[in-house]
PDB file of N, CA and C in Angstrom:
ATOM      1  N   MET A   1      -2.766 -11.953  26.615  1.00  0.00           N
ATOM      2  CA  MET A   1      -1.358 -11.667  26.657  1.00  0.00           C
ATOM      3  C   MET A   1      -1.072 -10.770  27.864  1.00  0.00           C
ATOM      4  N   LEU A   2      -0.049 -11.107  28.602  1.00  0.00           N
ATOM      5  CA  LEU A   2       0.379 -10.296  29.735  1.00  0.00           C
ATOM      6  C   LEU A   2       1.543  -9.420  29.306  1.00  0.00           C
ATOM      7  N   ILE A   3       1.504  -8.173  29.761  1.00  0.00           N
ATOM      8  CA  ILE A   3       2.600  -7.260  29.448  1.00  0.00           C
ATOM      9  C   ILE A   3       3.042  -6.553  30.715  1.00  0.00           C
ATOM     10  N   GLY A   4       4.321  -6.284  30.807  1.00  0.00           N
ATOM     11  CA  GLY A   4       4.836  -5.475  31.900  1.00  0.00           C
ATOM     12  C   GLY A   4       4.627  -4.008  31.550  1.00  0.00           C
ATOM     13  N   LEU A   5       4.221  -3.227  32.525  1.00  0.00           N
ATOM     14  CA  LEU A   5       3.959  -1.813  32.285  1.00  0.00           C
ATOM     15  C   LEU A   5       4.930  -0.963  33.093  1.00  0.00           C
ATOM     16  N   PRO A   6       5.280   0.206  32.581  1.00  0.00           N
ATOM     17  CA  PRO A   6       6.221   1.065  33.309  1.00  0.00           C
ATOM     18  C   PRO A   6       5.597   1.632  34.581  1.00  0.00           C
ATOM     19  N   ARG A   7       6.469   2.106  35.463  1.00  0.00           N
ATOM     20  CA  ARG A   7       6.034   2.736  36.702  1.00  0.00           C
ATOM     21  C   ARG A   7       5.108   3.898  36.360  1.00  0.00           C
ATOM     22  N   SER A   8       4.016   4.023  37.132  1.00  0.00           N
ATOM     23  CA  SER A   8       3.095   5.127  36.882  1.00  0.00           C
ATOM     24  C   SER A   8       2.203   5.350  38.095  1.00  0.00           C
ATOM     25  N   ASP A   9       1.385   6.385  38.006  1.00  0.00           N
ATOM     26  CA  ASP A   9       0.361   6.650  39.011  1.00  0.00           C
ATOM     27  C   ASP A   9      -0.931   6.062  38.473  1.00  0.00           C
ATOM     28  N   ILE A  10      -1.544   5.180  39.252  1.00  0.00           N
ATOM     29  CA  ILE A  10      -2.671   4.390  38.778  1.00  0.00           C
ATOM     30  C   ILE A  10      -3.871   4.610  39.681  1.00  0.00           C
ATOM     31  N   GLN A  11      -5.039   4.828  39.071  1.00  0.00           N
ATOM     32  CA  GLN A  11      -6.294   4.893  39.803  1.00  0.00           C
ATOM     33  C   GLN A  11      -7.042   3.599  39.513  1.00  0.00           C
ATOM     34  N   LEU A  12      -7.294   2.813  40.571  1.00  0.00           N
ATOM     35  CA  LEU A  12      -7.957   1.514  40.401  1.00  0.00           C
ATOM     36  C   LEU A  12      -9.399   1.566  40.871  1.00  0.00           C
ATOM     37  N   ILE A  13     -10.285   0.976  40.067  1.00  0.00           N
ATOM     38  CA  ILE A  13     -11.658   0.709  40.483  1.00  0.00           C
ATOM     39  C   ILE A  13     -11.843  -0.804  40.435  1.00  0.00           C
ATOM     40  N   ASN A  14     -12.977  -1.284  40.954  1.00  0.00           N
ATOM     41  CA  ASN A  14     -13.248  -2.733  40.979  1.00  0.00           C
ATOM     42  C   ASN A  14     -12.018  -3.476  41.478  1.00  0.00           C
ATOM     43  N   TRP A  15     -11.567  -3.090  42.655  1.00  0.00           N
ATOM     44  CA  TRP A  15     -10.278  -3.541  43.165  1.00  0.00           C
ATOM     45  C   TRP A  15     -10.414  -4.425  44.407  1.00  0.00           C
ATOM     46  N   ASN A  16      -9.312  -5.085  44.702  1.00  0.00           N
ATOM     47  CA  ASN A  16      -9.127  -5.827  45.940  1.00  0.00           C
ATOM     48  C   ASN A  16      -7.625  -6.008  46.098  1.00  0.00           C
ATOM     49  N   ILE A  17      -7.250  -6.665  47.161  1.00  0.00           N
ATOM     50  CA  ILE A  17      -5.853  -7.012  47.386  1.00  0.00           C
ATOM     51  C   ILE A  17      -5.770  -8.528  47.470  1.00  0.00           C
ATOM     52  N   ILE A  18      -4.845  -9.102  46.714  1.00  0.00           N
ATOM     53  CA  ILE A  18      -4.600 -10.540  46.748  1.00  0.00           C
ATOM     54  C   ILE A  18      -3.469 -10.798  47.734  1.00  0.00           C
ATOM     55  N   CYS A  19      -3.714 -11.708  48.666  1.00  0.00           N
ATOM     56  CA  CYS A  19      -2.691 -12.121  49.633  1.00  0.00           C
ATOM     57  C   CYS A  19      -2.128 -13.455  49.165  1.00  0.00           C
ATOM     58  N   LEU A  20      -0.825 -13.524  49.029  1.00  0.00           N
ATOM     59  CA  LEU A  20      -0.135 -14.735  48.589  1.00  0.00           C
ATOM     60  C   LEU A  20       0.671 -15.270  49.762  1.00  0.00           C
ATOM     61  N   ASN A  21       0.425 -16.509  50.137  1.00  0.00           N
ATOM     62  CA  ASN A  21       1.129 -17.163  51.244  1.00  0.00           C
ATOM     63  C   ASN A  21       1.699 -18.479  50.747  1.00  0.00           C
ATOM     64  N   LEU A  22       3.000 -18.503  50.520  1.00  0.00           N
ATOM     65  CA  LEU A  22       3.644 -19.704  49.995  1.00  0.00           C
ATOM     66  C   LEU A  22       3.983 -20.675  51.117  1.00  0.00           C
ATOM     67  N   PRO A  23       3.998 -21.982  50.819  1.00  0.00           N
ATOM     68  CA  PRO A  23       4.363 -22.975  51.835  1.00  0.00           C
ATOM     69  C   PRO A  23       5.742 -22.721  52.446  1.00  0.00           C
ATOM     70  N   SER A  24       6.616 -22.032  51.714  1.00  0.00           N
ATOM     71  CA  SER A  24       7.964 -21.727  52.220  1.00  0.00           C
ATOM     72  C   SER A  24       7.941 -20.677  53.322  1.00  0.00           C
ATOM     73  N   GLY A  25       6.769 -20.056  53.533  1.00  0.00           N
ATOM     74  CA  GLY A  25       6.658 -19.006  54.538  1.00  0.00           C
ATOM     75  C   GLY A  25       6.715 -17.611  53.941  1.00  0.00           C
ATOM     76  N   GLU A  26       7.095 -17.501  52.677  1.00  0.00           N
ATOM     77  CA  GLU A  26       7.104 -16.199  52.018  1.00  0.00           C
ATOM     78  C   GLU A  26       5.667 -15.745  51.787  1.00  0.00           C
ATOM     79  N   SER A  27       5.454 -14.441  51.907  1.00  0.00           N
ATOM     80  CA  SER A  27       4.112 -13.917  51.679  1.00  0.00           C
ATOM     81  C   SER A  27       4.195 -12.502  51.126  1.00  0.00           C
ATOM     82  N   GLY A  28       3.100 -12.041  50.571  1.00  0.00           N
ATOM     83  CA  GLY A  28       3.037 -10.684  50.045  1.00  0.00           C
ATOM     84  C   GLY A  28       1.622 -10.342  49.645  1.00  0.00           C
ATOM     85  N   GLU A  29       1.401  -9.054  49.411  1.00  0.00           N
ATOM     86  CA  GLU A  29       0.097  -8.566  48.984  1.00  0.00           C
ATOM     87  C   GLU A  29       0.255  -7.799  47.680  1.00  0.00           C
ATOM     88  N   PHE A  30      -0.791  -7.883  46.821  1.00  0.00           N
ATOM     89  CA  PHE A  30      -0.756  -7.315  45.481  1.00  0.00           C
ATOM     90  C   PHE A  30      -2.105  -6.688  45.165  1.00  0.00           C
ATOM     91  N   PHE A  31      -2.095  -5.506  44.541  1.00  0.00           N
ATOM     92  CA  PHE A  31      -3.335  -4.881  44.098  1.00  0.00           C
ATOM     93  C   PHE A  31      -3.833  -5.586  42.845  1.00  0.00           C
ATOM     94  N   ILE A  32      -5.164  -5.693  42.735  1.00  0.00           N
ATOM     95  CA  ILE A  32      -5.788  -6.194  41.516  1.00  0.00           C
ATOM     96  C   ILE A  32      -7.013  -5.328  41.258  1.00  0.00           C
ATOM     97  N   GLY A  33      -7.229  -4.968  39.992  1.00  0.00           N
ATOM     98  CA  GLY A  33      -8.385  -4.150  39.654  1.00  0.00           C
ATOM     99  C   GLY A  33      -8.284  -3.603  38.246  1.00  0.00           C
ATOM    100  N   TYR A  34      -9.089  -2.578  37.992  1.00  0.00           N
ATOM    101  CA  TYR A  34      -9.174  -1.975  36.665  1.00  0.00           C
ATOM    102  C   TYR A  34      -8.650  -0.548  36.732  1.00  0.00           C
ATOM    103  N   SER A  35      -7.677  -0.233  35.895  1.00  0.00           N
ATOM    104  CA  SER A  35      -7.043   1.086  35.868  1.00  0.00           C
ATOM    105  C   SER A  35      -7.843   2.054  35.006  1.00  0.00           C
ATOM    106  N   LEU A  36      -8.256   3.170  35.619  1.00  0.00           N
ATOM    107  CA  LEU A  36      -8.950   4.205  34.852  1.00  0.00           C
ATOM    108  C   LEU A  36      -8.005   4.918  33.891  1.00  0.00           C
ATOM    109  N   ASN A  37      -6.737   4.994  34.249  1.00  0.00           N
ATOM    110  CA  ASN A  37      -5.764   5.739  33.445  1.00  0.00           C
ATOM    111  C   ASN A  37      -5.586   5.140  32.055  1.00  0.00           C
ATOM    112  N   ASP A  38      -5.322   3.849  31.993  1.00  0.00           N
ATOM    113  CA  ASP A  38      -5.026   3.217  30.706  1.00  0.00           C
ATOM    114  C   ASP A  38      -6.070   2.183  30.292  1.00  0.00           C
ATOM    115  N   ARG A  39      -7.124   2.065  31.097  1.00  0.00           N
ATOM    116  CA  ARG A  39      -8.232   1.145  30.794  1.00  0.00           C
ATOM    117  C   ARG A  39      -7.770  -0.299  30.621  1.00  0.00           C
ATOM    118  N   LEU A  40      -6.890  -0.701  31.545  1.00  0.00           N
ATOM    119  CA  LEU A  40      -6.372  -2.066  31.544  1.00  0.00           C
ATOM    120  C   LEU A  40      -6.587  -2.698  32.908  1.00  0.00           C
ATOM    121  N   ALA A  41      -6.757  -4.004  32.913  1.00  0.00           N
ATOM    122  CA  ALA A  41      -6.754  -4.739  34.180  1.00  0.00           C
ATOM    123  C   ALA A  41      -5.340  -4.701  34.723  1.00  0.00           C
ATOM    124  N   ARG A  42      -5.227  -4.629  36.034  1.00  0.00           N
ATOM    125  CA  ARG A  42      -3.906  -4.554  36.662  1.00  0.00           C
ATOM    126  C   ARG A  42      -3.772  -5.603  37.750  1.00  0.00           C
ATOM    127  N   PHE A  43      -2.598  -6.204  37.802  1.00  0.00           N
ATOM    128  CA  PHE A  43      -2.155  -7.019  38.926  1.00  0.00           C
ATOM    129  C   PHE A  43      -0.776  -6.476  39.241  1.00  0.00           C
ATOM    130  N   SER A  44      -0.645  -5.828  40.388  1.00  0.00           N
ATOM    131  CA  SER A  44       0.572  -5.070  40.696  1.00  0.00           C
ATOM    132  C   SER A  44       1.744  -5.970  41.053  1.00  0.00           C
ATOM    133  N   THR A  45       2.891  -5.335  41.157  1.00  0.00           N
ATOM    134  CA  THR A  45       4.022  -5.974  41.811  1.00  0.00           C
ATOM    135  C   THR A  45       3.752  -5.912  43.317  1.00  0.00           C
ATOM    136  N   LEU A  46       4.638  -6.446  44.104  1.00  0.00           N
ATOM    137  CA  LEU A  46       4.492  -6.512  45.555  1.00  0.00           C
ATOM    138  C   LEU A  46       4.207  -5.137  46.158  1.00  0.00           C
ATOM    139  N   ILE A  47       3.206  -5.061  47.043  1.00  0.00           N
ATOM    140  CA  ILE A  47       2.902  -3.820  47.760  1.00  0.00           C
ATOM    141  C   ILE A  47       3.958  -3.618  48.836  1.00  0.00           C
ATOM    142  N   LEU A  48       4.605  -2.451  48.811  1.00  0.00           N
ATOM    143  CA  LEU A  48       5.610  -2.116  49.822  1.00  0.00           C
ATOM    144  C   LEU A  48       5.030  -1.242  50.925  1.00  0.00           C
ATOM    145  N   GLU A  49       4.124  -0.340  50.568  1.00  0.00           N
ATOM    146  CA  GLU A  49       3.478   0.561  51.523  1.00  0.00           C
ATOM    147  C   GLU A  49       2.005   0.650  51.165  1.00  0.00           C
ATOM    148  N   PHE A  50       1.134   0.723  52.192  1.00  0.00           N
ATOM    149  CA  PHE A  50      -0.288   0.899  51.929  1.00  0.00           C
ATOM    150  C   PHE A  50      -0.924   1.639  53.086  1.00  0.00           C
ATOM    151  N   ASP A  51      -1.527   2.793  52.792  1.00  0.00           N
ATOM    152  CA  ASP A  51      -2.282   3.573  53.769  1.00  0.00           C
ATOM    153  C   ASP A  51      -3.750   3.225  53.567  1.00  0.00           C
ATOM    154  N   GLU A  52      -4.276   2.371  54.459  1.00  0.00           N
ATOM    155  CA  GLU A  52      -5.652   1.905  54.307  1.00  0.00           C
ATOM    156  C   GLU A  52      -6.665   3.033  54.402  1.00  0.00           C
ATOM    157  N   GLU A  53      -6.390   4.018  55.234  1.00  0.00           N
ATOM    158  CA  GLU A  53      -7.323   5.132  55.403  1.00  0.00           C
ATOM    159  C   GLU A  53      -7.410   5.979  54.134  1.00  0.00           C
ATOM    160  N   LYS A  54      -6.256   6.310  53.565  1.00  0.00           N
ATOM    161  CA  LYS A  54      -6.222   7.134  52.345  1.00  0.00           C
ATOM    162  C   LYS A  54      -6.402   6.303  51.078  1.00  0.00           C
ATOM    163  N   LYS A  55      -6.275   5.001  51.195  1.00  0.00           N
ATOM    164  CA  LYS A  55      -6.367   4.060  50.079  1.00  0.00           C
ATOM    165  C   LYS A  55      -5.336   4.387  48.989  1.00  0.00           C
ATOM    166  N   ILE A  56      -4.096   4.582  49.441  1.00  0.00           N
ATOM    167  CA  ILE A  56      -2.982   4.847  48.530  1.00  0.00           C
ATOM    168  C   ILE A  56      -1.846   3.896  48.881  1.00  0.00           C
ATOM    169  N   GLY A  57      -1.250   3.291  47.857  1.00  0.00           N
ATOM    170  CA  GLY A  57      -0.149   2.372  48.100  1.00  0.00           C
ATOM    171  C   GLY A  57       0.949   2.499  47.063  1.00  0.00           C
ATOM    172  N   LYS A  58       2.133   2.053  47.450  1.00  0.00           N
ATOM    173  CA  LYS A  58       3.288   2.020  46.543  1.00  0.00           C
ATOM    174  C   LYS A  58       3.722   0.570  46.388  1.00  0.00           C
ATOM    175  N   THR A  59       4.149   0.240  45.179  1.00  0.00           N
ATOM    176  CA  THR A  59       4.558  -1.131  44.889  1.00  0.00           C
ATOM    177  C   THR A  59       6.050  -1.206  44.587  1.00  0.00           C
ATOM    178  N   LYS A  60       6.532  -2.431  44.503  1.00  0.00           N
ATOM    179  CA  LYS A  60       7.952  -2.675  44.256  1.00  0.00           C
ATOM    180  C   LYS A  60       8.436  -2.036  42.956  1.00  0.00           C
ATOM    181  N   SER A  61       7.559  -1.937  41.968  1.00  0.00           N
ATOM    182  CA  SER A  61       7.946  -1.334  40.685  1.00  0.00           C
ATOM    183  C   SER A  61       8.081   0.181  40.773  1.00  0.00           C
ATOM    184  N   GLY A  62       7.611   0.769  41.890  1.00  0.00           N
ATOM    185  CA  GLY A  62       7.640   2.223  42.044  1.00  0.00           C
ATOM    186  C   GLY A  62       6.331   2.891  41.693  1.00  0.00           C
ATOM    187  N   SER A  63       5.336   2.119  41.260  1.00  0.00           N
ATOM    188  CA  SER A  63       4.035   2.696  40.935  1.00  0.00           C
ATOM    189  C   SER A  63       3.293   3.086  42.208  1.00  0.00           C
ATOM    190  N   THR A  64       2.458   4.119  42.081  1.00  0.00           N
ATOM    191  CA  THR A  64       1.580   4.543  43.164  1.00  0.00           C
ATOM    192  C   THR A  64       0.153   4.208  42.756  1.00  0.00           C
ATOM    193  N   TYR A  65      -0.555   3.502  43.620  1.00  0.00           N
ATOM    194  CA  TYR A  65      -1.933   3.104  43.362  1.00  0.00           C
ATOM    195  C   TYR A  65      -2.868   3.894  44.259  1.00  0.00           C
ATOM    196  N   SER A  66      -3.871   4.547  43.649  1.00  0.00           N
ATOM    197  CA  SER A  66      -4.958   5.199  44.368  1.00  0.00           C
ATOM    198  C   SER A  66      -6.192   4.339  44.143  1.00  0.00           C
ATOM    199  N   LEU A  67      -6.782   3.865  45.222  1.00  0.00           N
ATOM    200  CA  LEU A  67      -7.907   2.946  45.128  1.00  0.00           C
ATOM    201  C   LEU A  67      -9.206   3.722  45.289  1.00  0.00           C
ATOM    202  N   LEU A  68     -10.087   3.619  44.308  1.00  0.00           N
ATOM    203  CA  LEU A  68     -11.337   4.368  44.301  1.00  0.00           C
ATOM    204  C   LEU A  68     -12.492   3.450  44.648  1.00  0.00           C
ATOM    205  N   GLY A  69     -13.395   3.933  45.488  1.00  0.00           N
ATOM    206  CA  GLY A  69     -14.525   3.122  45.901  1.00  0.00           C
ATOM    207  C   GLY A  69     -14.105   2.099  46.934  1.00  0.00           C
ATOM    208  N   GLN A  70     -15.016   1.193  47.211  1.00  0.00           N
ATOM    209  CA  GLN A  70     -14.779   0.167  48.217  1.00  0.00           C
ATOM    210  C   GLN A  70     -14.197  -1.093  47.571  1.00  0.00           C
ATOM    211  N   PRO A  71     -13.444  -1.869  48.348  1.00  0.00           N
ATOM    212  CA  PRO A  71     -12.939  -3.134  47.804  1.00  0.00           C
ATOM    213  C   PRO A  71     -14.089  -4.101  47.560  1.00  0.00           C
ATOM    214  N   GLY A  72     -13.880  -5.002  46.652  1.00  0.00           N
ATOM    215  CA  GLY A  72     -14.900  -6.002  46.356  1.00  0.00           C
ATOM    216  C   GLY A  72     -14.366  -7.012  45.365  1.00  0.00           C
ATOM    217  N   HIS A  73     -15.266  -7.551  44.578  1.00  0.00           N
ATOM    218  CA  HIS A  73     -14.893  -8.530  43.562  1.00  0.00           C
ATOM    219  C   HIS A  73     -14.146  -7.803  42.453  1.00  0.00           C
ATOM    220  N   PRO A  74     -12.914  -8.237  42.124  1.00  0.00           N
ATOM    221  CA  PRO A  74     -12.172  -7.545  41.062  1.00  0.00           C
ATOM    222  C   PRO A  74     -12.810  -7.781  39.696  1.00  0.00           C
ATOM    223  N   CYS A  75     -12.521  -6.897  38.767  1.00  0.00           N
ATOM    224  CA  CYS A  75     -13.062  -7.006  37.416  1.00  0.00           C
ATOM    225  C   CYS A  75     -12.647  -8.335  36.777  1.00  0.00           C
ATOM    226  N   GLU A  76     -13.456  -8.797  35.838  1.00  0.00           N
ATOM    227  CA  GLU A  76     -13.177 -10.075  35.165  1.00  0.00           C
ATOM    228  C   GLU A  76     -11.824 -10.061  34.455  1.00  0.00           C
ATOM    229  N   ASP A  77     -11.461  -8.921  33.872  1.00  0.00           N
ATOM    230  CA  ASP A  77     -10.154  -8.839  33.207  1.00  0.00           C
ATOM    231  C   ASP A  77      -9.020  -9.006  34.210  1.00  0.00           C
ATOM    232  N   GLY A  78      -9.216  -8.496  35.430  1.00  0.00           N
ATOM    233  CA  GLY A  78      -8.219  -8.680  36.481  1.00  0.00           C
ATOM    234  C   GLY A  78      -8.066 -10.145  36.838  1.00  0.00           C
ATOM    235  N   LEU A  79      -9.197 -10.843  36.920  1.00  0.00           N
ATOM    236  CA  LEU A  79      -9.135 -12.281  37.193  1.00  0.00           C
ATOM    237  C   LEU A  79      -8.446 -13.017  36.049  1.00  0.00           C
ATOM    238  N   HIS A  80      -8.671 -12.555  34.823  1.00  0.00           N
ATOM    239  CA  HIS A  80      -8.005 -13.177  33.672  1.00  0.00           C
ATOM    240  C   HIS A  80      -6.482 -13.092  33.824  1.00  0.00           C
ATOM    241  N   VAL A  81      -5.995 -11.965  34.338  1.00  0.00           N
ATOM    242  CA  VAL A  81      -4.557 -11.824  34.585  1.00  0.00           C
ATOM    243  C   VAL A  81      -4.104 -12.897  35.571  1.00  0.00           C
ATOM    244  N   LEU A  82      -4.868 -13.095  36.643  1.00  0.00           N
ATOM    245  CA  LEU A  82      -4.521 -14.141  37.618  1.00  0.00           C
ATOM    246  C   LEU A  82      -4.553 -15.521  36.979  1.00  0.00           C
ATOM    247  N   TYR A  83      -5.553 -15.773  36.126  1.00  0.00           N
ATOM    248  CA  TYR A  83      -5.636 -17.068  35.440  1.00  0.00           C
ATOM    249  C   TYR A  83      -4.374 -17.307  34.614  1.00  0.00           C
ATOM    250  N   GLN A  84      -3.894 -16.268  33.933  1.00  0.00           N
ATOM    251  CA  GLN A  84      -2.693 -16.398  33.114  1.00  0.00           C
ATOM    252  C   GLN A  84      -1.450 -16.659  33.968  1.00  0.00           C
ATOM    253  N   LEU A  85      -1.383 -16.027  35.131  1.00  0.00           N
ATOM    254  CA  LEU A  85      -0.213 -16.175  35.999  1.00  0.00           C
ATOM    255  C   LEU A  85      -0.190 -17.497  36.754  1.00  0.00           C
ATOM    256  N   PHE A  86      -1.349 -17.905  37.280  1.00  0.00           N
ATOM    257  CA  PHE A  86      -1.387 -19.051  38.190  1.00  0.00           C
ATOM    258  C   PHE A  86      -2.197 -20.238  37.684  1.00  0.00           C
ATOM    259  N   GLY A  87      -2.939 -20.063  36.597  1.00  0.00           N
ATOM    260  CA  GLY A  87      -3.808 -21.120  36.089  1.00  0.00           C
ATOM    261  C   GLY A  87      -5.226 -20.947  36.609  1.00  0.00           C
ATOM    262  N   LYS A  88      -6.185 -21.094  35.712  1.00  0.00           N
ATOM    263  CA  LYS A  88      -7.589 -20.867  36.077  1.00  0.00           C
ATOM    264  C   LYS A  88      -8.061 -21.825  37.159  1.00  0.00           C
ATOM    265  N   ALA A  89      -7.692 -23.096  37.062  1.00  0.00           N
ATOM    266  CA  ALA A  89      -8.139 -24.081  38.058  1.00  0.00           C
ATOM    267  C   ALA A  89      -7.654 -23.705  39.454  1.00  0.00           C
ATOM    268  N   ARG A  90      -6.396 -23.305  39.566  1.00  0.00           N
ATOM    269  CA  ARG A  90      -5.859 -22.932  40.886  1.00  0.00           C
ATOM    270  C   ARG A  90      -6.580 -21.702  41.435  1.00  0.00           C
ATOM    271  N   ILE A  91      -6.816 -20.688  40.601  1.00  0.00           N
ATOM    272  CA  ILE A  91      -7.499 -19.473  41.060  1.00  0.00           C
ATOM    273  C   ILE A  91      -8.921 -19.801  41.490  1.00  0.00           C
ATOM    274  N   GLN A  92      -9.632 -20.563  40.671  1.00  0.00           N
ATOM    275  CA  GLN A  92     -10.999 -20.945  41.039  1.00  0.00           C
ATOM    276  C   GLN A  92     -11.007 -21.704  42.361  1.00  0.00           C
ATOM    277  N   ASN A  93     -10.059 -22.615  42.521  1.00  0.00           N
ATOM    278  CA  ASN A  93      -9.960 -23.420  43.734  1.00  0.00           C
ATOM    279  C   ASN A  93      -9.597 -22.565  44.947  1.00  0.00           C
ATOM    280  N   GLU A  94      -8.601 -21.702  44.798  1.00  0.00           N
ATOM    281  CA  GLU A  94      -8.099 -20.915  45.929  1.00  0.00           C
ATOM    282  C   GLU A  94      -9.032 -19.780  46.336  1.00  0.00           C
ATOM    283  N   LEU A  95      -9.637 -19.104  45.372  1.00  0.00           N
ATOM    284  CA  LEU A  95     -10.408 -17.907  45.691  1.00  0.00           C
ATOM    285  C   LEU A  95     -11.912 -18.113  45.749  1.00  0.00           C
ATOM    286  N   PHE A  96     -12.419 -19.150  45.096  1.00  0.00           N
ATOM    287  CA  PHE A  96     -13.866 -19.272  44.963  1.00  0.00           C
ATOM    288  C   PHE A  96     -14.427 -20.627  45.370  1.00  0.00           C
ATOM    289  N   SER A  97     -13.702 -21.388  46.179  1.00  0.00           N
ATOM    290  CA  SER A  97     -14.222 -22.681  46.632  1.00  0.00           C
ATOM    291  C   SER A  97     -13.798 -22.942  48.068  1.00  0.00           C
ATOM    292  N   ASP A  98     -14.337 -24.007  48.625  1.00  0.00           N
ATOM    293  CA  ASP A  98     -13.955 -24.418  49.979  1.00  0.00           C
ATOM    294  C   ASP A  98     -12.751 -25.354  49.956  1.00  0.00           C
ATOM    295  N   GLU A  99     -12.206 -25.618  48.782  1.00  0.00           N
ATOM    296  CA  GLU A  99     -11.092 -26.551  48.622  1.00  0.00           C
ATOM    297  C   GLU A  99      -9.731 -25.864  48.696  1.00  0.00           C
ATOM    298  N   THR A 100      -9.686 -24.652  49.173  1.00  0.00           N
ATOM    299  CA  THR A 100      -8.466 -23.852  49.168  1.00  0.00           C
ATOM    300  C   THR A 100      -7.335 -24.493  49.963  1.00  0.00           C
ATOM    301  N   GLU A 101      -6.119 -24.255  49.499  1.00  0.00           N
ATOM    302  CA  GLU A 101      -4.922 -24.671  50.231  1.00  0.00           C
ATOM    303  C   GLU A 101      -4.363 -23.502  51.034  1.00  0.00           C
ATOM    304  N   GLY A 102      -5.005 -22.335  50.936  1.00  0.00           N
ATOM    305  CA  GLY A 102      -4.561 -21.164  51.679  1.00  0.00           C
ATOM    306  C   GLY A 102      -3.394 -20.427  51.062  1.00  0.00           C
ATOM    307  N   ILE A 103      -3.127 -20.678  49.794  1.00  0.00           N
ATOM    308  CA  ILE A 103      -2.005 -20.016  49.129  1.00  0.00           C
ATOM    309  C   ILE A 103      -2.397 -18.611  48.672  1.00  0.00           C
ATOM    310  N   LEU A 104      -3.612 -18.463  48.152  1.00  0.00           N
ATOM    311  CA  LEU A 104      -4.122 -17.175  47.689  1.00  0.00           C
ATOM    312  C   LEU A 104      -5.439 -16.865  48.377  1.00  0.00           C
ATOM    313  N   CYS A 105      -5.645 -15.590  48.717  1.00  0.00           N
ATOM    314  CA  CYS A 105      -6.945 -15.177  49.241  1.00  0.00           C
ATOM    315  C   CYS A 105      -7.133 -13.690  48.990  1.00  0.00           C
ATOM    316  N   PHE A 106      -8.385 -13.252  49.025  1.00  0.00           N
ATOM    317  CA  PHE A 106      -8.681 -11.830  48.969  1.00  0.00           C
ATOM    318  C   PHE A 106      -8.516 -11.251  50.363  1.00  0.00           C
ATOM    319  N   LYS A 107      -7.961 -10.056  50.462  1.00  0.00           N
ATOM    320  CA  LYS A 107      -7.820  -9.388  51.751  1.00  0.00           C
ATOM    321  C   LYS A 107      -9.180  -8.899  52.247  1.00  0.00           C
ATOM    322  N   TYR A 108     -10.014  -8.446  51.332  1.00  0.00           N
ATOM    323  CA  TYR A 108     -11.322  -7.889  51.673  1.00  0.00           C
ATOM    324  C   TYR A 108     -12.432  -8.753  51.080  1.00  0.00           C
ATOM    325  N   SER A 109     -13.583  -8.723  51.702  1.00  0.00           N
ATOM    326  CA  SER A 109     -14.745  -9.466  51.226  1.00  0.00           C
ATOM    327  C   SER A 109     -15.036  -9.106  49.769  1.00  0.00           C
ATOM    328  N   THR A 110     -15.495 -10.073  49.019  1.00  0.00           N
ATOM    329  CA  THR A 110     -15.823  -9.832  47.611  1.00  0.00           C
ATOM    330  C   THR A 110     -17.322  -9.680  47.392  1.00  0.00           C
ATOM    331  N   SER A 111     -18.083  -9.494  48.461  1.00  0.00           N
ATOM    332  CA  SER A 111     -19.537  -9.435  48.325  1.00  0.00           C
ATOM    333  C   SER A 111     -20.043  -8.105  47.800  1.00  0.00           C
ATOM    334  N   ASN A 112     -19.193  -7.045  47.801  1.00  0.00           N
ATOM    335  CA  ASN A 112     -19.584  -5.709  47.327  1.00  0.00           C
ATOM    336  C   ASN A 112     -20.795  -5.152  48.057  1.00  0.00           C
ATOM    337  N   LYS A 113     -20.947  -5.487  49.327  1.00  0.00           N
ATOM    338  CA  LYS A 113     -22.036  -4.934  50.122  1.00  0.00           C
ATOM    339  C   LYS A 113     -21.742  -3.471  50.420  1.00  0.00           C
ATOM    340  N   SER A 114     -22.786  -2.648  50.465  1.00  0.00           N
ATOM    341  CA  SER A 114     -22.588  -1.263  50.901  1.00  0.00           C
ATOM    342  C   SER A 114     -22.990  -1.166  52.357  1.00  0.00           C
ATOM    343  N   ASP A 115     -22.239  -0.360  53.110  1.00  0.00           N
ATOM    344  CA  ASP A 115     -22.490  -0.230  54.544  1.00  0.00           C
ATOM    345  C   ASP A 115     -23.549   0.796  54.822  1.00  0.00           C
TER     346      ASP A 115
END
């Protein structure tokens, strides 16, 4: 079940950014990950501001996201949110195969390599 959550300050782990590029030319970026505050998977509203150095961003809903650790493969619960929104087949195709149409992608590598 998907639920809308009120504006809040969120600390995300196991995070990445999903880039959405529609054929109409519209595009946007969204945080995905696991919230330490409420122990829920999160898929944010549209990112309006993002400081990559500080890893802090604000979304359309007014929430502030603090990203902890390095970007990588989002938590399974986060992917479940995407499956509910877009369909599992489309997510698997767009994010995890060579058959992508370029509508969805991860902004950062999902290999979780340490530098």
